[in-house]
Every structure is written in C-alpha cells, then in structure tokens.
Amino acid sequence: MSAASIVAALIKESPYLARMSFDLLYMYLTLGSRVKKTRKAFEEQLVLAGMAKNDAIRLSSNFELLKSSITSMLKEGIVRGNVSRVTEFADIV
C-alpha cells in the first residue's frame, strides 16, 4: 500500500472518525449528570415503595460505582489502544 492510498483512506474516513469522537466525548461529558438524575429517580421510587431513605441511598450508590467502572475502563482502553477490558463490563453488570 502506498503512502498516497493511506492518506486518501484517512481523508475519506475522517468525517466518520470525527463524528464518532465527538459523540464519545459528548457521552462522556453528560454521563455524570445522567447518572445523578437516574440515581435521584431511583431513590425516589424506592422511598415511594416504602423503603427507608438511608437504604435507598445505599442501593443507589451502585450507579456511581458503575459509572466510575465504565469511565475507567474506557480511559484505559483509550490509553492502551485496545478494548480487551470490554469483557469486564459483563462482569460488572
């Protein structure tokens, strides 16, 4: 493969790579607020079902643990350049 064909392939795929990069960045930046919103709604539903507030908070803390596990897994995958830790996500869920 010549250098010109490699450059042409990169130019051809660059809009798709840029879109995917922006989408991943957006998901990463909004994950915290989405987890916070989900956690609050989960706690409210548990309290409405009759569970004590402290127990609901304790159970909903698992959302934060899952978020931190997902973000650390993605960061390590980006740094290492592979996605071999994706199988660990199945163990978390």
Protein backbone atom coordinates (compact mmCIF):
# COMPACT_ATOMS: atom_id res chain seq x y z
CA MET A 1 0.00 0.00 0.00
CA SER A 2 1.45 3.34 -0.97
CA ALA A 3 1.56 6.42 1.20
CA ALA A 4 -0.89 8.20 -1.11
CA SER A 5 -3.52 5.49 -0.73
CA ILE A 6 -3.13 5.56 3.06
CA VAL A 7 -3.58 9.33 3.11
CA ALA A 8 -6.60 9.05 0.82
CA ALA A 9 -8.17 6.43 3.07
CA LEU A 10 -7.62 8.61 6.14
CA ILE A 11 -9.16 11.63 4.43
CA LYS A 12 -12.11 9.55 3.28
CA GLU A 13 -12.79 8.22 6.80
CA SER A 14 -12.02 11.42 8.73
CA PRO A 15 -15.62 12.75 8.89
CA TYR A 16 -16.81 9.47 10.39
CA LEU A 17 -13.95 9.36 12.88
CA ALA A 18 -14.57 12.97 13.87
CA ARG A 19 -18.29 12.33 14.36
CA MET A 20 -17.59 9.24 16.45
CA SER A 21 -15.03 11.15 18.53
CA PHE A 22 -17.47 13.99 19.21
CA ASP A 23 -20.23 11.53 20.11
CA LEU A 24 -17.97 9.70 22.56
CA LEU A 25 -16.85 12.99 24.09
CA TYR A 26 -20.48 14.13 24.47
CA MET A 27 -21.45 10.84 26.10
CA TYR A 28 -18.50 11.09 28.49
CA LEU A 29 -19.30 14.68 29.44
CA THR A 30 -23.02 14.04 30.04
CA LEU A 31 -22.63 10.71 31.83
CA GLY A 32 -22.26 12.33 35.24
CA SER A 33 -25.47 14.34 35.02
CA ARG A 34 -27.40 11.40 33.61
CA VAL A 35 -26.22 9.12 36.43
CA LYS A 36 -27.13 11.78 39.00
CA LYS A 37 -30.62 12.13 37.51
CA THR A 38 -31.10 8.36 37.35
CA ARG A 39 -29.86 7.88 40.88
CA LYS A 40 -32.26 10.51 42.23
CA ALA A 41 -35.23 8.98 40.39
CA PHE A 42 -34.28 5.51 41.63
CA GLU A 43 -34.09 6.74 45.22
CA GLU A 44 -37.48 8.46 44.90
CA GLN A 45 -39.09 5.30 43.58
CA LEU A 46 -37.64 3.19 46.38
CA VAL A 47 -38.85 5.66 49.01
CA LEU A 48 -42.31 5.72 47.41
CA ALA A 49 -42.35 1.92 47.60
CA GLY A 50 -41.78 2.16 51.35
CA MET A 51 -38.03 1.73 51.73
CA ALA A 52 -36.07 3.81 54.24
CA LYS A 53 -34.23 6.81 52.75
CA ASN A 54 -30.83 5.61 54.02
CA ASP A 55 -31.30 2.20 52.41
CA ALA A 56 -32.36 3.81 49.13
CA ILE A 57 -29.23 5.96 49.14
CA ARG A 58 -27.07 2.95 49.88
CA LEU A 59 -28.59 0.98 46.98
CA SER A 60 -28.39 3.87 44.54
CA SER A 61 -24.69 4.31 45.25
CA ASN A 62 -24.13 1.36 42.90
CA PHE A 63 -24.91 3.70 39.99
CA GLU A 64 -21.86 5.79 40.92
CA LEU A 65 -19.70 2.67 41.17
CA LEU A 66 -20.88 1.51 37.76
CA LYS A 67 -20.20 4.94 36.26
CA SER A 68 -16.68 5.03 37.64
CA SER A 69 -16.02 1.49 36.41
CA ILE A 70 -17.23 2.34 32.91
CA THR A 71 -15.21 5.54 32.68
CA SER A 72 -12.04 3.92 33.98
CA MET A 73 -12.48 1.04 31.55
CA LEU A 74 -12.89 3.43 28.61
CA LYS A 75 -9.91 5.55 29.70
CA GLU A 76 -7.67 2.52 29.99
CA GLY A 77 -8.85 1.27 26.60
CA ILE A 78 -8.01 4.60 25.00
CA VAL A 79 -4.61 4.79 26.68
CA ARG A 80 -3.69 1.21 25.84
CA GLY A 81 -5.20 1.39 22.38
CA ASN A 82 -7.27 -1.75 22.76
CA VAL A 83 -10.63 -2.80 24.11
CA SER A 84 -9.69 -6.06 25.80
CA ARG A 85 -11.33 -4.94 29.04
CA VAL A 86 -14.78 -4.83 27.46
CA THR A 87 -15.38 -8.29 28.85
CA GLU A 88 -15.08 -6.85 32.36
CA PHE A 89 -18.22 -4.83 31.68
CA ALA A 90 -20.19 -8.07 31.53
CA ASP A 91 -18.83 -8.97 34.97
CA ILE A 92 -19.96 -5.61 36.38
CA VAL A 93 -23.50 -5.87 35.06
